[in-house]
C-alpha atoms as a PDB file:
ATOM      1  CA  MET A   1      -0.040   0.158   0.203  1.00  0.00           C
ATOM      2  CA  LYS A   2       0.718   3.595  -0.347  1.00  0.00           C
ATOM      3  CA  ALA A   3       1.550   5.527   2.836  1.00  0.00           C
ATOM      4  CA  ILE A   4       2.914   9.657   3.404  1.00  0.00           C
ATOM      5  CA  ARG A   5       5.927   9.345   5.435  1.00  0.00           C
ATOM      6  CA  ILE A   6       8.756  11.124   6.807  1.00  0.00           C
ATOM      7  CA  HIS A   7      12.196   9.567   7.266  1.00  0.00           C
ATOM      8  CA  HIS A   8      13.774  12.627   8.707  1.00  0.00           C
ATOM      9  CA  HIS A   9      13.063  16.078   9.706  1.00  0.00           C
ATOM     10  CA  GLY A  10      12.275  18.998   7.717  1.00  0.00           C
ATOM     11  CA  GLY A  11      10.578  20.943   4.808  1.00  0.00           C
ATOM     12  CA  PRO A  12       7.657  19.723   2.808  1.00  0.00           C
ATOM     13  CA  GLU A  13      10.230  17.695   0.750  1.00  0.00           C
ATOM     14  CA  VAL A  14      11.476  15.379   3.449  1.00  0.00           C
ATOM     15  CA  LEU A  15       7.465  14.007   2.705  1.00  0.00           C
ATOM     16  CA  LYS A  16       7.496  10.537   1.179  1.00  0.00           C
ATOM     17  CA  ILE A  17       5.013   8.228  -0.440  1.00  0.00           C
ATOM     18  CA  ASP A  18       6.674   4.867   0.558  1.00  0.00           C
ATOM     19  CA  ASP A  19       5.247   1.400  -0.595  1.00  0.00           C
ATOM     20  CA  ILE A  20       4.551  -0.499   2.625  1.00  0.00           C
ATOM     21  CA  ASP A  21       2.829  -3.656   3.305  1.00  0.00           C
ATOM     22  CA  VAL A  22      -0.782  -3.965   3.892  1.00  0.00           C
ATOM     23  CA  PRO A  23      -0.661  -4.871   8.045  1.00  0.00           C
ATOM     24  CA  LYS A  24      -2.369  -8.220   8.965  1.00  0.00           C
ATOM     25  CA  VAL A  25      -4.885  -8.593  10.769  1.00  0.00           C
ATOM     26  CA  GLN A  26      -5.193  -9.004  14.269  1.00  0.00           C
ATOM     27  CA  PRO A  27      -7.881 -10.117  17.183  1.00  0.00           C
ATOM     28  CA  GLY A  28      -9.862  -7.463  18.179  1.00  0.00           C
ATOM     29  CA  HIS A  29      -9.021  -4.978  15.366  1.00  0.00           C
ATOM     30  CA  ALA A  30     -10.333  -3.955  11.772  1.00  0.00           C
ATOM     31  CA  LEU A  31      -8.123  -3.288   8.577  1.00  0.00           C
ATOM     32  CA  VAL A  32     -10.167  -0.370   7.550  1.00  0.00           C
ATOM     33  CA  ARG A  33      -9.339   0.783   3.755  1.00  0.00           C
ATOM     34  CA  VAL A  34      -9.149   4.818   4.191  1.00  0.00           C
ATOM     35  CA  LYS A  35     -11.045   6.656   1.826  1.00  0.00           C
ATOM     36  CA  ALA A  36     -10.101   9.915   3.326  1.00  0.00           C
ATOM     37  CA  ALA A  37      -7.580  11.539   6.020  1.00  0.00           C
ATOM     38  CA  ALA A  38      -7.815  14.921   7.408  1.00  0.00           C
ATOM     39  CA  MET A  39      -4.541  17.171   7.786  1.00  0.00           C
ATOM     40  CA  ASN A  40      -4.087  19.046  10.853  1.00  0.00           C
ATOM     41  CA  HIS A  41      -1.228  21.726  12.041  1.00  0.00           C
ATOM     42  CA  MET A  42       0.111  18.901  13.780  1.00  0.00           C
ATOM     43  CA  ASP A  43       1.144  17.170  10.377  1.00  0.00           C
ATOM     44  CA  LEU A  44       3.523  20.399   9.937  1.00  0.00           C
ATOM     45  CA  TRP A  45       4.749  20.176  13.554  1.00  0.00           C
ATOM     46  CA  VAL A  46       5.776  16.578  13.253  1.00  0.00           C
ATOM     47  CA  ARG A  47       7.036  16.875   9.752  1.00  0.00           C
ATOM     48  CA  LYS A  48       9.280  19.946  10.867  1.00  0.00           C
ATOM     49  CA  GLY A  49      10.424  17.806  14.609  1.00  0.00           C
ATOM     50  CA  LEU A  50       9.108  19.052  17.830  1.00  0.00           C
ATOM     51  CA  PRO A  51      11.349  20.303  20.593  1.00  0.00           C
ATOM     52  CA  GLY A  52      11.813  18.151  23.078  1.00  0.00           C
ATOM     53  CA  VAL A  53       9.643  15.167  21.784  1.00  0.00           C
ATOM     54  CA  LYS A  54      11.228  12.209  20.233  1.00  0.00           C
ATOM     55  CA  ILE A  55       9.147  11.410  16.922  1.00  0.00           C
ATOM     56  CA  PRO A  56       9.610   7.642  16.214  1.00  0.00           C
ATOM     57  CA  LEU A  57      10.742   7.648  12.221  1.00  0.00           C
ATOM     58  CA  PRO A  58       9.788   6.590  10.144  1.00  0.00           C
ATOM     59  CA  ILE A  59       6.504   7.963  10.583  1.00  0.00           C
ATOM     60  CA  ILE A  60       2.951   7.847   8.813  1.00  0.00           C
ATOM     61  CA  LEU A  61       1.371  11.202   9.052  1.00  0.00           C
ATOM     62  CA  GLY A  62      -2.334  12.123  10.241  1.00  0.00           C
ATOM     63  CA  CYS A  63      -3.642  11.177  13.063  1.00  0.00           C
ATOM     64  CA  GLU A  64      -7.935  11.799  11.365  1.00  0.00           C
ATOM     65  CA  ALA A  65      -9.626   9.151   8.863  1.00  0.00           C
ATOM     66  CA  ALA A  66     -12.732   7.708   7.544  1.00  0.00           C
ATOM     67  CA  GLY A  67     -13.202   4.422   5.453  1.00  0.00           C
ATOM     68  CA  ILE A  68     -14.469   1.358   5.082  1.00  0.00           C
ATOM     69  CA  ILE A  69     -14.069  -1.837   6.984  1.00  0.00           C
ATOM     70  CA  GLU A  70     -11.998  -4.312   4.435  1.00  0.00           C
ATOM     71  CA  ASN A  71     -11.294  -7.493   7.219  1.00  0.00           C
ATOM     72  CA  ALA A  72     -13.126  -7.530  10.527  1.00  0.00           C
ATOM     73  CA  GLY A  73     -10.539  -9.454  12.430  1.00  0.00           C
ATOM     74  CA  PRO A  74     -11.464 -12.260  15.125  1.00  0.00           C
ATOM     75  CA  ASP A  75     -13.432 -11.045  18.272  1.00  0.00           C
ATOM     76  CA  VAL A  76     -14.312  -7.565  16.210  1.00  0.00           C
ATOM     77  CA  ARG A  77     -18.319  -7.402  17.381  1.00  0.00           C
ATOM     78  CA  ARG A  78     -19.560  -4.207  16.831  1.00  0.00           C
ATOM     79  CA  PHE A  79     -18.514  -4.127  12.936  1.00  0.00           C
ATOM     80  CA  LYS A  80     -18.460  -6.449   9.828  1.00  0.00           C
ATOM     81  CA  ASN A  81     -16.753  -6.001   6.553  1.00  0.00           C
ATOM     82  CA  GLY A  82     -18.259  -2.724   4.527  1.00  0.00           C
ATOM     83  CA  ASP A  83     -19.299  -1.053   7.053  1.00  0.00           C
ATOM     84  CA  GLU A  84     -18.309   2.917   6.827  1.00  0.00           C
ATOM     85  CA  VAL A  85     -16.476   3.884  10.318  1.00  0.00           C
ATOM     86  CA  VAL A  86     -14.258   6.841  11.575  1.00  0.00           C
ATOM     87  CA  ILE A  87     -11.287   6.397  13.219  1.00  0.00           C
ATOM     88  CA  ALA A  88     -10.920   7.748  16.694  1.00  0.00           C
ATOM     89  CA  PRO A  89      -7.341   9.873  16.218  1.00  0.00           C
ATOM     90  CA  SER A  90      -5.811   8.335  19.727  1.00  0.00           C
ATOM     91  CA  THR A  91      -4.995   5.182  21.539  1.00  0.00           C
ATOM     92  CA  SER A  92      -4.781   4.251  25.134  1.00  0.00           C
ATOM     93  CA  CYS A  93      -4.216   0.878  27.299  1.00  0.00           C
ATOM     94  CA  GLY A  94      -7.900   0.669  28.374  1.00  0.00           C
ATOM     95  CA  VAL A  95      -7.159  -0.915  31.604  1.00  0.00           C
ATOM     96  CA  CYS A  96      -5.373   1.756  34.039  1.00  0.00           C
ATOM     97  CA  GLU A  97      -7.813   3.749  36.613  1.00  0.00           C
ATOM     98  CA  ALA A  98      -8.015   6.908  33.950  1.00  0.00           C
ATOM     99  CA  CYS A  99      -9.216   4.312  31.028  1.00  0.00           C
ATOM    100  CA  LEU A 100     -12.147   2.515  32.860  1.00  0.00           C
ATOM    101  CA  ALA A 101     -12.934   6.153  34.147  1.00  0.00           C
ATOM    102  CA  GLY A 102     -13.611   7.281  30.694  1.00  0.00           C
ATOM    103  CA  ASN A 103     -10.715   9.996  30.641  1.00  0.00           C
ATOM    104  CA  ASP A 104      -8.692   7.525  28.411  1.00  0.00           C
ATOM    105  CA  HIS A 105      -7.047  10.968  26.940  1.00  0.00           C
ATOM    106  CA  TYR A 106      -5.516  11.230  30.521  1.00  0.00           C
ATOM    107  CA  CYS A 107      -4.132   7.190  30.346  1.00  0.00           C
ATOM    108  CA  ARG A 108       0.206   7.315  30.366  1.00  0.00           C
ATOM    109  CA  ASP A 109       0.328   5.310  27.487  1.00  0.00           C
ATOM    110  CA  TYR A 110      -1.883   7.807  25.808  1.00  0.00           C
ATOM    111  CA  LYS A 111      -0.491   7.891  21.906  1.00  0.00           C
ATOM    112  CA  ILE A 112      -2.055  10.133  18.959  1.00  0.00           C
ATOM    113  CA  TYR A 113      -1.801   8.554  15.522  1.00  0.00           C
ATOM    114  CA  GLY A 114       0.816  10.388  13.519  1.00  0.00           C
ATOM    115  CA  GLU A 115       2.930  11.723  16.071  1.00  0.00           C
ATOM    116  CA  HIS A 116       3.281   8.796  18.726  1.00  0.00           C
ATOM    117  CA  GLN A 117       2.897   5.925  16.334  1.00  0.00           C
ATOM    118  CA  ASP A 118       1.909   5.520  12.590  1.00  0.00           C
ATOM    119  CA  GLY A 119      -0.750   7.740  11.332  1.00  0.00           C
ATOM    120  CA  THR A 120      -3.845   7.391   8.919  1.00  0.00           C
ATOM    121  CA  GLU A 121      -2.487   8.601   5.925  1.00  0.00           C
ATOM    122  CA  CYS A 122      -1.798   5.560   4.067  1.00  0.00           C
ATOM    123  CA  GLU A 123      -4.666   3.067   2.028  1.00  0.00           C
ATOM    124  CA  TYR A 124      -5.209   0.880   4.772  1.00  0.00           C
ATOM    125  CA  LYS A 125      -5.157   1.264   8.569  1.00  0.00           C
ATOM    126  CA  LEU A 126      -5.249  -1.418  11.175  1.00  0.00           C
ATOM    127  CA  VAL A 127      -7.748   0.054  14.312  1.00  0.00           C
ATOM    128  CA  PRO A 128      -8.167  -1.619  17.328  1.00  0.00           C
ATOM    129  CA  GLU A 129     -12.174  -1.913  17.912  1.00  0.00           C
ATOM    130  CA  CYS A 130     -12.839   0.636  20.156  1.00  0.00           C
ATOM    131  CA  ASN A 131     -11.452   3.325  17.700  1.00  0.00           C
ATOM    132  CA  LEU A 132     -14.092   2.646  15.250  1.00  0.00           C
ATOM    133  CA  LEU A 133     -16.905   4.598  15.372  1.00  0.00           C
ATOM    134  CA  PRO A 134     -20.257   4.627  12.735  1.00  0.00           C
ATOM    135  CA  LYS A 135     -19.475   7.096  10.067  1.00  0.00           C
ATOM    136  CA  PRO A 136     -22.464   9.640  10.359  1.00  0.00           C
ATOM    137  CA  LYS A 137     -24.914   8.692   7.277  1.00  0.00           C
ATOM    138  CA  ASN A 138     -25.281  12.266   6.029  1.00  0.00           C
ATOM    139  CA  LEU A 139     -21.724  12.945   5.433  1.00  0.00           C
ATOM    140  CA  SER A 140     -18.844  12.051   2.366  1.00  0.00           C
ATOM    141  CA  PHE A 141     -16.131  10.169   3.446  1.00  0.00           C
ATOM    142  CA  GLU A 142     -13.993  13.987   3.313  1.00  0.00           C
ATOM    143  CA  GLU A 143     -16.162  15.495   5.629  1.00  0.00           C
ATOM    144  CA  ALA A 144     -16.467  12.529   7.849  1.00  0.00           C
ATOM    145  CA  ALA A 145     -12.784  12.442   8.240  1.00  0.00           C
ATOM    146  CA  THR A 146     -12.518  16.206   9.251  1.00  0.00           C
ATOM    147  CA  ILE A 147     -14.638  15.123  12.680  1.00  0.00           C
ATOM    148  CA  PRO A 148     -12.518  13.540  14.987  1.00  0.00           C
ATOM    149  CA  LEU A 149      -9.612  15.172  16.270  1.00  0.00           C
ATOM    150  CA  THR A 150     -10.939  18.909  15.843  1.00  0.00           C
ATOM    151  CA  PHE A 151     -14.457  18.634  17.056  1.00  0.00           C
ATOM    152  CA  LEU A 152     -12.915  16.549  19.829  1.00  0.00           C
ATOM    153  CA  THR A 153     -10.510  19.173  20.941  1.00  0.00           C
ATOM    154  CA  ALA A 154     -13.014  22.052  20.665  1.00  0.00           C
ATOM    155  CA  TRP A 155     -15.547  20.077  23.114  1.00  0.00           C
ATOM    156  CA  GLN A 156     -13.084  19.050  25.462  1.00  0.00           C
ATOM    157  CA  MET A 157     -12.018  22.580  25.577  1.00  0.00           C
ATOM    158  CA  LEU A 158     -15.671  24.497  25.594  1.00  0.00           C
ATOM    159  CA  VAL A 159     -17.314  21.853  27.135  1.00  0.00           C
ATOM    160  CA  GLU A 160     -15.348  19.477  29.664  1.00  0.00           C
ATOM    161  CA  LYS A 161     -13.155  22.648  30.661  1.00  0.00           C
ATOM    162  CA  ALA A 162     -14.303  25.790  30.663  1.00  0.00           C
ATOM    163  CA  GLN A 163     -17.958  24.766  30.940  1.00  0.00           C
ATOM    164  CA  VAL A 164     -19.586  26.670  28.727  1.00  0.00           C
ATOM    165  CA  GLN A 165     -22.975  28.289  29.210  1.00  0.00           C
ATOM    166  CA  SER A 166     -26.187  29.762  27.672  1.00  0.00           C
ATOM    167  CA  GLY A 167     -25.763  33.605  28.014  1.00  0.00           C
ATOM    168  CA  GLN A 168     -22.209  33.795  28.899  1.00  0.00           C
ATOM    169  CA  THR A 169     -19.486  35.648  25.660  1.00  0.00           C
ATOM    170  CA  VAL A 170     -16.949  33.464  24.527  1.00  0.00           C
ATOM    171  CA  LEU A 171     -13.947  34.896  22.395  1.00  0.00           C
ATOM    172  CA  ILE A 172     -12.943  32.135  19.411  1.00  0.00           C
ATOM    173  CA  LEU A 173      -9.577  32.750  18.195  1.00  0.00           C
ATOM    174  CA  ALA A 174      -8.402  32.095  14.698  1.00  0.00           C
ATOM    175  CA  ALA A 175     -12.094  31.490  13.613  1.00  0.00           C
ATOM    176  CA  ALA A 176     -11.201  30.121  10.500  1.00  0.00           C
ATOM    177  CA  SER A 177      -8.915  27.400  11.143  1.00  0.00           C
ATOM    178  CA  GLY A 178     -10.230  23.701  11.854  1.00  0.00           C
ATOM    179  CA  VAL A 179     -10.440  23.873  15.482  1.00  0.00           C
ATOM    180  CA  GLY A 180     -11.914  27.211  15.608  1.00  0.00           C
ATOM    181  CA  SER A 181     -14.493  26.893  13.069  1.00  0.00           C
ATOM    182  CA  ALA A 182     -15.135  23.950  15.473  1.00  0.00           C
ATOM    183  CA  GLY A 183     -15.255  26.424  18.557  1.00  0.00           C
ATOM    184  CA  VAL A 184     -17.509  28.397  16.542  1.00  0.00           C
ATOM    185  CA  GLN A 185     -20.230  25.859  16.244  1.00  0.00           C
ATOM    186  CA  ILE A 186     -20.118  24.225  20.229  1.00  0.00           C
ATOM    187  CA  ALA A 187     -20.186  27.467  21.501  1.00  0.00           C
ATOM    188  CA  LYS A 188     -23.378  28.518  19.977  1.00  0.00           C
ATOM    189  CA  LEU A 189     -24.698  25.314  20.308  1.00  0.00           C
ATOM    190  CA  PHE A 190     -24.612  25.969  23.671  1.00  0.00           C
ATOM    191  CA  GLY A 191     -25.948  29.067  23.710  1.00  0.00           C
ATOM    192  CA  ALA A 192     -23.214  31.413  24.009  1.00  0.00           C
ATOM    193  CA  ARG A 193     -22.299  34.543  22.089  1.00  0.00           C
ATOM    194  CA  VAL A 194     -19.371  34.533  20.070  1.00  0.00           C
ATOM    195  CA  ILE A 195     -16.846  36.777  19.477  1.00  0.00           C
ATOM    196  CA  ALA A 196     -14.439  35.566  16.726  1.00  0.00           C
ATOM    197  CA  THR A 197     -11.200  36.602  14.827  1.00  0.00           C
ATOM    198  CA  ALA A 198      -9.621  36.307  11.345  1.00  0.00           C
ATOM    199  CA  SER A 199      -6.917  38.344   9.587  1.00  0.00           C
ATOM    200  CA  ASP A 200      -8.969  37.670   6.184  1.00  0.00           C
ATOM    201  CA  GLU A 201     -12.191  39.229   5.339  1.00  0.00           C
ATOM    202  CA  ALA A 202     -13.556  37.062   2.732  1.00  0.00           C
ATOM    203  CA  LYS A 203     -13.842  34.523   5.405  1.00  0.00           C
ATOM    204  CA  PHE A 204     -16.001  36.615   7.257  1.00  0.00           C
ATOM    205  CA  PRO A 205     -19.198  35.598   5.872  1.00  0.00           C
ATOM    206  CA  LYS A 206     -18.356  32.462   6.253  1.00  0.00           C
ATOM    207  CA  ILE A 207     -17.525  32.556  10.562  1.00  0.00           C
ATOM    208  CA  GLN A 208     -20.624  34.076  10.507  1.00  0.00           C
ATOM    209  CA  GLY A 209     -22.415  31.686   9.132  1.00  0.00           C
ATOM    210  CA  LEU A 210     -20.941  29.096  11.381  1.00  0.00           C
ATOM    211  CA  GLY A 211     -22.645  31.163  14.076  1.00  0.00           C
ATOM    212  CA  ALA A 212     -20.678  33.869  15.374  1.00  0.00           C
ATOM    213  CA  ASP A 213     -22.326  37.285  16.221  1.00  0.00           C
ATOM    214  CA  HIS A 214     -19.399  39.610  15.489  1.00  0.00           C
ATOM    215  CA  VAL A 215     -15.899  39.362  13.629  1.00  0.00           C
ATOM    216  CA  VAL A 216     -12.603  40.663  14.706  1.00  0.00           C
ATOM    217  CA  ASN A 217      -9.644  41.123  12.228  1.00  0.00           C
ATOM    218  CA  HIS A 218      -6.833  40.531  14.161  1.00  0.00           C
ATOM    219  CA  ARG A 219      -4.213  41.829  11.665  1.00  0.00           C
ATOM    220  CA  LYS A 220      -6.032  45.334  11.520  1.00  0.00           C
ATOM    221  CA  GLN A 221      -7.648  45.492  14.943  1.00  0.00           C
ATOM    222  CA  ASP A 222      -7.113  45.152  17.837  1.00  0.00           C
ATOM    223  CA  ILE A 223      -8.599  42.171  19.938  1.00  0.00           C
ATOM    224  CA  ALA A 224      -8.576  43.234  23.301  1.00  0.00           C
ATOM    225  CA  GLU A 225      -9.710  47.242  22.417  1.00  0.00           C
ATOM    226  CA  GLU A 226     -12.718  45.575  20.437  1.00  0.00           C
ATOM    227  CA  VAL A 227     -13.854  42.814  22.822  1.00  0.00           C
ATOM    228  CA  ARG A 228     -14.022  45.891  25.802  1.00  0.00           C
ATOM    229  CA  LYS A 229     -16.594  47.646  22.467  1.00  0.00           C
ATOM    230  CA  LEU A 230     -18.564  44.947  22.310  1.00  0.00           C
ATOM    231  CA  THR A 231     -19.012  43.848  25.704  1.00  0.00           C
ATOM    232  CA  ASP A 232     -19.557  47.274  27.127  1.00  0.00           C
ATOM    233  CA  LYS A 233     -16.169  46.880  28.592  1.00  0.00           C
ATOM    234  CA  ARG A 234     -17.092  43.779  30.893  1.00  0.00           C
ATOM    235  CA  GLY A 235     -14.767  41.367  28.639  1.00  0.00           C
ATOM    236  CA  VAL A 236     -15.871  37.809  27.555  1.00  0.00           C
ATOM    237  CA  ASP A 237     -16.667  34.750  30.003  1.00  0.00           C
ATOM    238  CA  VAL A 238     -14.289  32.429  28.123  1.00  0.00           C
ATOM    239  CA  VAL A 239     -11.466  32.689  25.536  1.00  0.00           C
ATOM    240  CA  PHE A 240     -11.134  29.683  23.539  1.00  0.00           C
ATOM    241  CA  GLU A 241      -7.125  30.208  22.822  1.00  0.00           C
ATOM    242  CA  HIS A 242      -4.611  28.062  20.436  1.00  0.00           C
ATOM    243  CA  VAL A 243      -2.653  30.650  18.855  1.00  0.00           C
ATOM    244  CA  GLY A 244      -0.329  31.112  21.624  1.00  0.00           C
ATOM    245  CA  ALA A 245       2.616  33.830  21.862  1.00  0.00           C
ATOM    246  CA  ALA A 246       1.202  36.232  19.054  1.00  0.00           C
ATOM    247  CA  THR A 247      -2.133  36.456  20.657  1.00  0.00           C
ATOM    248  CA  TRP A 248      -1.875  35.205  24.512  1.00  0.00           C
ATOM    249  CA  GLU A 249      -1.467  39.032  25.655  1.00  0.00           C
ATOM    250  CA  LYS A 250      -4.778  40.108  24.214  1.00  0.00           C
ATOM    251  CA  SER A 251      -6.174  37.237  24.965  1.00  0.00           C
ATOM    252  CA  LEU A 252      -5.743  38.013  28.755  1.00  0.00           C
ATOM    253  CA  LYS A 253      -6.991  41.400  28.366  1.00  0.00           C
ATOM    254  CA  SER A 254      -9.719  40.294  26.755  1.00  0.00           C
ATOM    255  CA  LEU A 255     -10.886  37.795  29.847  1.00  0.00           C
ATOM    256  CA  ALA A 256     -13.943  39.328  32.400  1.00  0.00           C
ATOM    257  CA  PHE A 257     -13.606  38.942  36.577  1.00  0.00           C
ATOM    258  CA  GLY A 258     -13.992  35.099  36.654  1.00  0.00           C
ATOM    259  CA  GLY A 259     -13.609  34.740  33.519  1.00  0.00           C
ATOM    260  CA  LYS A 260     -11.049  30.997  31.658  1.00  0.00           C
ATOM    261  CA  LEU A 261      -9.198  30.918  29.033  1.00  0.00           C
ATOM    262  CA  VAL A 262      -8.706  27.582  27.660  1.00  0.00           C
ATOM    263  CA  THR A 263      -5.613  26.439  25.462  1.00  0.00           C
ATOM    264  CA  CYS A 264      -4.954  23.575  23.965  1.00  0.00           C
ATOM    265  CA  GLY A 265      -2.073  24.978  21.117  1.00  0.00           C
ATOM    266  CA  ALA A 266       0.640  27.285  20.291  1.00  0.00           C
ATOM    267  CA  THR A 267       1.016  27.545  16.847  1.00  0.00           C
ATOM    268  CA  THR A 268       2.844  31.109  17.190  1.00  0.00           C
ATOM    269  CA  GLY A 269       4.878  30.467  19.800  1.00  0.00           C
ATOM    270  CA  TYR A 270       5.140  28.729  23.222  1.00  0.00           C
ATOM    271  CA  ASP A 271       6.936  31.305  25.906  1.00  0.00           C
ATOM    272  CA  VAL A 272       4.242  33.723  26.957  1.00  0.00           C
ATOM    273  CA  LYS A 273       4.264  36.167  29.976  1.00  0.00           C
ATOM    274  CA  ILE A 274       1.546  35.974  32.797  1.00  0.00           C
ATOM    275  CA  ASP A 275       1.137  39.182  35.380  1.00  0.00           C
ATOM    276  CA  LEU A 276       0.162  37.181  38.260  1.00  0.00           C
ATOM    277  CA  ARG A 277      -2.141  40.401  40.181  1.00  0.00           C
ATOM    278  CA  HIS A 278      -4.234  40.430  37.334  1.00  0.00           C
ATOM    279  CA  LEU A 279      -5.186  36.459  37.161  1.00  0.00           C
ATOM    280  CA  PHE A 280      -5.726  36.363  40.904  1.00  0.00           C
ATOM    281  CA  ILE A 281      -7.589  39.660  41.132  1.00  0.00           C
ATOM    282  CA  LYS A 282      -9.412  39.241  38.487  1.00  0.00           C
ATOM    283  CA  GLN A 283      -9.871  35.511  40.194  1.00  0.00           C
ATOM    284  CA  GLN A 284      -9.357  34.414  36.446  1.00  0.00           C
ATOM    285  CA  GLN A 285      -8.814  30.591  35.616  1.00  0.00           C
ATOM    286  CA  ILE A 286      -6.079  28.977  32.912  1.00  0.00           C
ATOM    287  CA  LEU A 287      -6.890  25.653  31.495  1.00  0.00           C
ATOM    288  CA  GLY A 288      -4.845  23.443  28.977  1.00  0.00           C
ATOM    289  CA  SER A 289      -6.296  20.985  27.191  1.00  0.00           C
ATOM    290  CA  THR A 290      -5.559  18.485  24.478  1.00  0.00           C
ATOM    291  CA  MET A 291      -7.525  16.210  22.563  1.00  0.00           C
ATOM    292  CA  GLY A 292     -10.446  14.320  25.179  1.00  0.00           C
ATOM    293  CA  SER A 293     -12.143  11.388  25.229  1.00  0.00           C
ATOM    294  CA  LYS A 294     -13.731   9.191  23.039  1.00  0.00           C
ATOM    295  CA  ALA A 295     -16.691   8.881  24.755  1.00  0.00           C
ATOM    296  CA  SER A 296     -16.949  13.051  23.817  1.00  0.00           C
ATOM    297  CA  LEU A 297     -16.900  11.493  19.955  1.00  0.00           C
ATOM    298  CA  PHE A 298     -19.894   9.256  20.443  1.00  0.00           C
ATOM    299  CA  ARG A 299     -21.740  12.352  21.242  1.00  0.00           C
ATOM    300  CA  ILE A 300     -20.344  14.756  18.860  1.00  0.00           C
ATOM    301  CA  LEU A 301     -21.441  12.555  15.747  1.00  0.00           C
ATOM    302  CA  ARG A 302     -24.617  11.945  16.708  1.00  0.00           C
ATOM    303  CA  LEU A 303     -24.827  15.844  17.217  1.00  0.00           C
ATOM    304  CA  VAL A 304     -23.127  15.788  13.606  1.00  0.00           C
ATOM    305  CA  SER A 305     -25.991  13.038  12.331  1.00  0.00           C
ATOM    306  CA  GLU A 306     -29.055  15.433  13.515  1.00  0.00           C
ATOM    307  CA  GLY A 307     -27.395  18.185  11.745  1.00  0.00           C
ATOM    308  CA  LYS A 308     -26.834  20.413  14.937  1.00  0.00           C
ATOM    309  CA  LEU A 309     -22.877  20.112  14.101  1.00  0.00           C
ATOM    310  CA  PHE A 310     -21.205  20.104  10.657  1.00  0.00           C
ATOM    311  CA  PRO A 311     -18.021  19.842   9.007  1.00  0.00           C
ATOM    312  CA  VAL A 312     -16.107  22.399   7.331  1.00  0.00           C
ATOM    313  CA  LEU A 313     -13.947  21.278   4.267  1.00  0.00           C
ATOM    314  CA  ASP A 314     -11.594  23.563   2.427  1.00  0.00           C
ATOM    315  CA  ARG A 315      -9.900  21.552  -0.073  1.00  0.00           C
ATOM    316  CA  ILE A 316      -8.990  18.055  -1.330  1.00  0.00           C
ATOM    317  CA  PHE A 317      -5.659  16.602  -2.535  1.00  0.00           C
ATOM    318  CA  PRO A 318      -4.530  13.574  -3.269  1.00  0.00           C
ATOM    319  CA  PHE A 319      -1.967  11.757  -2.092  1.00  0.00           C
ATOM    320  CA  SER A 320       0.487  12.415  -4.613  1.00  0.00           C
ATOM    321  CA  GLN A 321      -0.128  16.093  -3.770  1.00  0.00           C
ATOM    322  CA  ALA A 322       1.168  16.004  -0.279  1.00  0.00           C
ATOM    323  CA  GLN A 323       3.774  18.557  -0.110  1.00  0.00           C
ATOM    324  CA  GLU A 324       1.219  21.198  -2.009  1.00  0.00           C
ATOM    325  CA  ALA A 325      -1.188  20.254   1.116  1.00  0.00           C
ATOM    326  CA  HIS A 326       1.641  21.337   3.178  1.00  0.00           C
ATOM    327  CA  LEU A 327       2.692  24.399   1.824  1.00  0.00           C
ATOM    328  CA  TYR A 328      -1.315  25.006   1.785  1.00  0.00           C
ATOM    329  CA  LEU A 329      -1.845  24.652   5.172  1.00  0.00           C
ATOM    330  CA  GLU A 330       1.458  26.523   6.248  1.00  0.00           C
ATOM    331  CA  LYS A 331       0.316  29.354   4.237  1.00  0.00           C
ATOM    332  CA  GLY A 332      -3.113  29.807   6.378  1.00  0.00           C
ATOM    333  CA  SER A 333      -5.069  29.997   3.494  1.00  0.00           C
ATOM    334  CA  GLN A 334      -7.944  27.515   4.333  1.00  0.00           C
ATOM    335  CA  MET A 335     -11.531  27.987   5.837  1.00  0.00           C
ATOM    336  CA  GLY A 336     -11.818  24.877   7.269  1.00  0.00           C
ATOM    337  CA  LYS A 337     -10.060  21.451   6.995  1.00  0.00           C
ATOM    338  CA  VAL A 338      -7.936  20.178   4.504  1.00  0.00           C
ATOM    339  CA  VAL A 339      -8.267  16.387   2.822  1.00  0.00           C
ATOM    340  CA  LEU A 340      -6.083  14.177   1.802  1.00  0.00           C
ATOM    341  CA  ILE A 341      -7.552  10.684  -0.241  1.00  0.00           C
ATOM    342  CA  PRO A 342      -5.340   7.912  -1.657  1.00  0.00           C
ATOM    343  CA  SER A 343      -4.411   8.642  -5.381  1.00  0.00           C
END
């Protein structure tokens, strides 16, 4: 089979389309014929190399995918050959205290596809049964592939960590990104007022179409000042932060008394400063968040099936154009998700 792999870190030129063996079916696993694999910024970071993180090389990139079960192995009970499925983006031990409590993302053996182990940008993927979920019938494979990591991350941030509620105001940074576009939808689903940011005004109507009440151009406008104007100087209850150093100061200034800033990323840098006086005097909270539980993914997919949440698919590239896809994602031109399909 063909797989998108890197053998060493670097620019898009290190991406290779390798011919490797199709995995052999094992008990409790199913061989999935991948129809579509969605990209994330994690693909770029893994390709470039992450400071302090040892990536097992060579590695197949990608953590999100949808496909068809080619061969359901022994002991697989919930699925059969020909079933259309979505692949959960991570694995865990399944037997520790965290896993049995439904917090598999806290497992000490937690591993994300495409970062800690071979990923989904391949023609066939061997997947444990516990990592398979039925594909929503109302979605194409390309659309379904965009759901798992993106919506799970946004759900964990807003619902599990920030505990967003009806009537609150939420600031969503970089709302045109995959996780940002999911965040807008989830915040609106729970009845919040949404202030979003983006750098391309051509994307504003699409972001408003997702539910944003206001969109701020973070390149031309001061985020904190605009938030003050829009909230009568009060600030927002929740900041959905994943940009990092470039927006950190403005994000903190945008928080109301008792507000919560939840962060899942540091796209523009991780070295930030905090004035602890503001933090404790205003009784604010800073919450870290990564991924989410498989249980949450079941709920998310039900909401997608009901048309209450929906994927935002920007562009599809064949595997053979993986380098072009990386360059496209690096430019930040997309509105939503970029998907790769076997070619």
